[in-house]
Amino acid sequence: MQELKILYLYPDILELYGDYGNIQVLQYRMEKRGIKCIIDKYSIGDEQPNFLEYDIVFAGGGADNEQSILAEDLVKYKENIKEAVQNGVFFLLICGAYQLFGKYYKGVEGNIIEGLDIFPYYTEAITDRKKRCIGNIVLEVELESNKKTKVIGFENHGGQTYNSLSPFGKVLYGNGNKFGDDKEGFFLGNVIATYLHGPLLSKNPELSDYIIKYCLDRKYNQNTELKQLEDTFEQQCRTQLLEKFLKKA
């Protein structure tokens, strides 16, 4: 039996807006295909994980205070994380986790939270706490060469992210990395860092399957053909949402 291992970072702290749902979706879609899904969790005080031992590393969103606490803990694993990224381990990073993997996050009061500096972007919060990029969002993304798809999510962030040299997608509806931006997130073949909550994967089966296929191909050194799942309901929901949002764009 094929198996994939997921490392879920700080589930007790980084879990805004139902981000754990992303893990549940991955597990469900794996097990429907007979793929064993192993989920390990890590939080402050736990035994040190080896990021290289995992196929997927997931971290969700959190507020400024949580990010400050986690940055001090996560930096201990910077070199291990960098090596895992370079070795092709898949990283799915949502909102606060997205920010933590950049150069730094500058808070409302001007305080600097040093990031892991794994990726070149940085984030600065708007001083007006009431002003946020919030609402539904639709992206056009190219997960594979010449194969575009639409990704639906929900964004809620005061931080404005700059210098994302390899964005996740083009904004068709919503704000993106900052107010009025036409780009959102950060993307490498094995890294998706994004502000999209929702949870993201429940609204985007194709994105879930991209992650699963990537990990299987990498682990078993083969071109995996995933068994098709019954996604009629999900696709009907997507069609209605896309028609609603893009009509407003």
Protein backbone atom coordinates (compact mmCIF):
# COMPACT_ATOMS: atom_id res chain seq x y z
CA MET A 1 0.00 0.00 0.00
CA GLN A 2 1.25 3.47 -0.85
CA GLU A 3 1.44 5.96 2.01
CA LEU A 4 2.10 9.65 2.52
CA LYS A 5 3.19 11.33 5.74
CA ILE A 6 1.93 14.77 6.76
CA LEU A 7 3.51 16.98 9.41
CA TYR A 8 0.95 19.40 10.84
CA LEU A 9 2.73 22.34 12.51
CA TYR A 10 1.29 24.01 15.62
CA PRO A 11 -2.30 22.70 15.37
CA ASP A 12 -3.08 24.22 18.77
CA ILE A 13 -2.02 27.71 17.70
CA LEU A 14 -2.23 28.08 13.90
CA GLU A 15 -5.85 27.11 13.21
CA LEU A 16 -7.76 30.22 12.13
CA TYR A 17 -10.84 29.87 9.93
CA GLY A 18 -10.92 26.08 9.84
CA ASP A 19 -7.51 25.56 8.27
CA TYR A 20 -7.39 22.03 9.72
CA GLY A 21 -9.98 21.22 7.07
CA ASN A 22 -7.14 21.12 4.55
CA ILE A 23 -5.63 18.12 6.36
CA GLN A 24 -9.03 16.43 6.50
CA VAL A 25 -9.54 16.88 2.76
CA LEU A 26 -6.13 15.46 1.91
CA GLN A 27 -6.70 12.49 4.20
CA TYR A 28 -10.17 11.84 2.74
CA ARG A 29 -8.98 11.97 -0.87
CA MET A 30 -6.00 9.75 -0.14
CA GLU A 31 -7.98 7.10 1.71
CA LYS A 32 -10.67 7.01 -1.00
CA ARG A 33 -7.86 5.89 -3.30
CA GLY A 34 -6.41 3.33 -0.91
CA ILE A 35 -3.45 5.53 0.04
CA LYS A 36 -2.49 5.40 3.70
CA CYS A 37 -2.33 8.86 5.28
CA ILE A 38 -0.14 9.31 8.35
CA ILE A 39 -0.56 12.58 10.24
CA ASP A 40 1.98 13.71 12.84
CA LYS A 41 1.54 16.92 14.81
CA TYR A 42 4.20 19.21 16.19
CA SER A 43 3.88 22.11 18.62
CA ILE A 44 6.09 23.95 21.08
CA GLY A 45 7.73 21.56 23.54
CA ASP A 46 7.30 18.46 21.40
CA GLU A 47 10.17 16.29 20.23
CA GLN A 48 12.09 17.86 17.37
CA PRO A 49 10.74 16.74 13.98
CA ASN A 50 12.88 15.89 10.97
CA PHE A 51 11.20 17.69 8.09
CA LEU A 52 12.98 15.50 5.56
CA GLU A 53 11.02 12.46 6.77
CA TYR A 54 7.70 13.89 5.58
CA ASP A 55 5.95 14.19 2.23
CA ILE A 56 3.79 17.18 3.17
CA VAL A 57 4.30 19.92 5.75
CA PHE A 58 1.24 22.00 6.59
CA ALA A 59 0.83 25.13 8.71
CA GLY A 60 -2.22 27.36 9.04
CA GLY A 61 -3.02 30.93 10.01
CA GLY A 62 -2.57 32.84 13.24
CA ALA A 63 -2.62 36.38 14.63
CA ASP A 64 0.42 38.60 15.27
CA ASN A 65 0.91 37.44 18.85
CA GLU A 66 0.95 33.78 17.85
CA GLN A 67 3.39 34.49 15.03
CA SER A 68 5.81 36.17 17.42
CA ILE A 69 5.80 33.13 19.71
CA LEU A 70 6.11 30.62 16.89
CA ALA A 71 8.89 32.48 15.09
CA GLU A 72 11.19 31.92 18.09
CA ASP A 73 10.46 28.19 18.05
CA LEU A 74 10.45 27.63 14.30
CA VAL A 75 13.80 29.33 13.71
CA LYS A 76 15.49 26.39 15.48
CA TYR A 77 14.58 24.26 12.48
CA LYS A 78 15.46 26.74 9.75
CA GLU A 79 18.25 24.71 8.14
CA ASN A 80 16.25 21.48 8.32
CA ILE A 81 13.26 23.23 6.72
CA LYS A 82 15.41 24.79 4.01
CA GLU A 83 16.90 21.40 3.20
CA ALA A 84 13.42 19.85 3.05
CA VAL A 85 12.24 22.53 0.60
CA GLN A 86 15.30 21.97 -1.57
CA ASN A 87 14.70 18.21 -1.48
CA GLY A 88 11.15 18.57 -2.74
CA VAL A 89 9.07 18.06 0.40
CA PHE A 90 5.70 19.72 -0.25
CA PHE A 91 4.85 22.76 1.91
CA LEU A 92 1.31 24.16 2.17
CA LEU A 93 1.42 27.42 4.14
CA ILE A 94 -1.69 29.44 4.94
CA CYS A 95 -1.81 33.13 5.93
CA GLY A 96 0.32 33.55 9.08
CA ALA A 97 2.49 30.58 8.11
CA TYR A 98 2.90 32.12 4.64
CA GLN A 99 4.26 35.26 6.28
CA LEU A 100 6.59 33.39 8.68
CA PHE A 101 8.48 31.73 5.83
CA GLY A 102 9.41 35.13 4.35
CA LYS A 103 12.03 37.64 5.45
CA TYR A 104 10.03 39.41 8.16
CA TYR A 105 6.63 40.60 9.32
CA LYS A 106 6.23 44.21 10.48
CA GLY A 107 3.33 44.62 12.87
CA VAL A 108 0.89 47.49 13.35
CA GLU A 109 3.05 49.02 16.10
CA GLY A 110 6.18 48.80 13.96
CA ASN A 111 7.51 45.71 15.74
CA ILE A 112 9.50 43.34 13.56
CA ILE A 113 8.97 39.58 13.69
CA GLU A 114 11.90 37.96 11.94
CA GLY A 115 10.85 35.29 9.48
CA LEU A 116 12.70 32.17 8.45
CA ASP A 117 13.96 33.93 5.32
CA ILE A 118 13.37 30.78 3.27
CA PHE A 119 11.63 32.84 0.54
CA PRO A 120 12.28 36.42 -0.65
CA TYR A 121 8.98 38.14 0.21
CA TYR A 122 8.21 40.24 3.31
CA THR A 123 5.02 41.52 4.95
CA GLU A 124 4.08 44.83 6.57
CA ALA A 125 0.79 45.44 8.37
CA ILE A 126 -1.35 48.50 7.69
CA THR A 127 -1.42 50.80 10.70
CA ASP A 128 -5.21 51.11 10.56
CA ARG A 129 -6.38 47.91 12.26
CA LYS A 130 -9.84 48.26 10.70
CA LYS A 131 -8.48 48.15 7.18
CA ARG A 132 -8.07 44.57 5.97
CA CYS A 133 -8.12 42.56 2.77
CA ILE A 134 -11.19 40.52 3.56
CA GLY A 135 -13.69 38.56 1.51
CA ASN A 136 -14.02 35.93 -1.15
CA ILE A 137 -11.23 35.63 -3.70
CA VAL A 138 -10.72 33.83 -7.02
CA LEU A 139 -7.34 33.14 -8.61
CA GLU A 140 -6.22 31.80 -11.94
CA VAL A 141 -3.29 29.48 -11.27
CA GLU A 142 -1.01 27.40 -13.45
CA LEU A 143 -0.16 24.31 -11.42
CA GLU A 144 1.37 22.59 -14.43
CA SER A 145 2.77 24.08 -17.62
CA ASN A 146 -0.01 25.36 -19.91
CA LYS A 147 -2.70 23.99 -17.59
CA LYS A 148 -4.64 26.73 -15.86
CA THR A 149 -7.38 26.35 -13.27
CA LYS A 150 -9.38 28.63 -11.02
CA VAL A 151 -8.87 28.50 -7.26
CA ILE A 152 -11.52 29.80 -4.84
CA GLY A 153 -10.86 30.90 -1.26
CA PHE A 154 -11.48 33.45 1.46
CA GLU A 155 -8.92 36.06 2.53
CA ASN A 156 -8.72 38.01 5.79
CA HIS A 157 -5.40 39.77 6.37
CA GLY A 158 -4.15 43.20 7.36
CA GLY A 159 -0.60 42.35 6.31
CA GLN A 160 0.52 43.47 2.88
CA THR A 161 3.04 41.12 1.28
CA TYR A 162 5.70 42.47 -1.11
CA ASN A 163 8.36 40.97 -3.38
CA SER A 164 6.61 37.67 -4.07
CA LEU A 165 8.65 36.94 -7.16
CA SER A 166 6.81 33.70 -7.97
CA PRO A 167 3.11 34.28 -7.16
CA PHE A 168 0.62 31.49 -6.66
CA GLY A 169 -1.92 32.99 -9.02
CA LYS A 170 -3.43 35.92 -10.86
CA VAL A 171 -6.27 37.62 -8.97
CA LEU A 172 -9.58 37.54 -10.85
CA TYR A 173 -11.67 38.66 -7.89
CA GLY A 174 -10.52 39.96 -4.50
CA ASN A 175 -7.33 41.65 -3.29
CA GLY A 176 -4.39 39.25 -3.23
CA ASN A 177 -1.05 39.92 -1.57
CA LYS A 178 -2.07 43.51 -0.87
CA PHE A 179 -4.93 45.90 -1.59
CA GLY A 180 -5.71 45.94 -5.30
CA ASP A 181 -2.89 43.55 -6.19
CA ASP A 182 -3.23 41.40 -9.29
CA LYS A 183 -1.07 38.63 -7.80
CA GLU A 184 -1.55 36.40 -4.76
CA GLY A 185 0.64 34.10 -2.71
CA PHE A 186 3.92 32.39 -3.52
CA PHE A 187 4.37 29.24 -5.57
CA LEU A 188 7.10 26.78 -6.41
CA GLY A 189 6.42 23.26 -7.67
CA ASN A 190 6.51 21.98 -4.09
CA VAL A 191 5.44 25.12 -2.19
CA ILE A 192 2.07 26.84 -2.01
CA ALA A 193 2.04 29.82 0.35
CA THR A 194 -1.22 31.74 0.26
CA TYR A 195 -3.71 33.92 2.15
CA LEU A 196 -6.61 31.71 1.05
CA HIS A 197 -8.56 30.21 3.92
CA GLY A 198 -11.85 28.51 3.47
CA PRO A 199 -10.50 25.86 4.04
CA LEU A 200 -8.73 26.15 0.72
CA LEU A 201 -8.70 22.50 -0.38
CA SER A 202 -12.38 21.79 0.25
CA LYS A 203 -13.31 24.22 -2.52
CA ASN A 204 -10.60 23.09 -4.91
CA PRO A 205 -10.42 19.31 -5.52
CA GLU A 206 -8.00 19.76 -8.42
CA LEU A 207 -5.55 21.54 -6.14
CA SER A 208 -5.81 18.77 -3.54
CA ASP A 209 -5.09 16.16 -6.20
CA TYR A 210 -2.14 18.16 -7.52
CA ILE A 211 -0.54 17.94 -4.07
CA ILE A 212 -1.27 14.23 -3.70
CA LYS A 213 0.01 13.35 -7.18
CA TYR A 214 3.14 15.46 -6.72
CA CYS A 215 3.96 13.68 -3.47
CA LEU A 216 3.31 10.20 -4.85
CA ASP A 217 5.40 10.89 -7.96
CA ARG A 218 8.27 12.15 -5.81
CA LYS A 219 8.14 9.36 -3.26
CA TYR A 220 7.66 6.42 -5.62
CA ASN A 221 9.53 7.83 -8.62
CA GLN A 222 6.68 7.31 -11.03
CA ASN A 223 4.07 9.20 -13.02
CA THR A 224 1.01 8.45 -10.89
CA GLU A 225 -2.44 8.29 -12.42
CA LEU A 226 -4.89 9.12 -9.65
CA LYS A 227 -8.20 7.29 -9.50
CA GLN A 228 -11.01 9.71 -10.30
CA LEU A 229 -13.29 10.51 -7.37
CA GLU A 230 -16.96 11.45 -7.42
CA ASP A 231 -16.69 15.26 -7.28
CA THR A 232 -20.03 16.19 -8.86
CA PHE A 233 -21.27 18.05 -5.79
CA GLU A 234 -17.99 19.91 -5.34
CA GLN A 235 -17.93 20.93 -9.00
CA GLN A 236 -21.52 22.16 -8.86
CA CYS A 237 -20.64 24.31 -5.85
CA ARG A 238 -17.58 25.65 -7.64
CA THR A 239 -19.60 26.54 -10.73
CA GLN A 240 -22.11 28.51 -8.68
CA LEU A 241 -19.42 30.33 -6.70
CA LEU A 242 -17.41 31.22 -9.80
CA GLU A 243 -20.48 32.54 -11.58
CA LYS A 244 -21.40 34.62 -8.54
CA PHE A 245 -17.94 36.09 -7.88
CA LEU A 246 -16.71 36.63 -11.42
CA LYS A 247 -19.94 38.32 -12.43
CA LYS A 248 -18.97 41.03 -9.94
CA ALA A 249 -15.37 41.33 -11.12
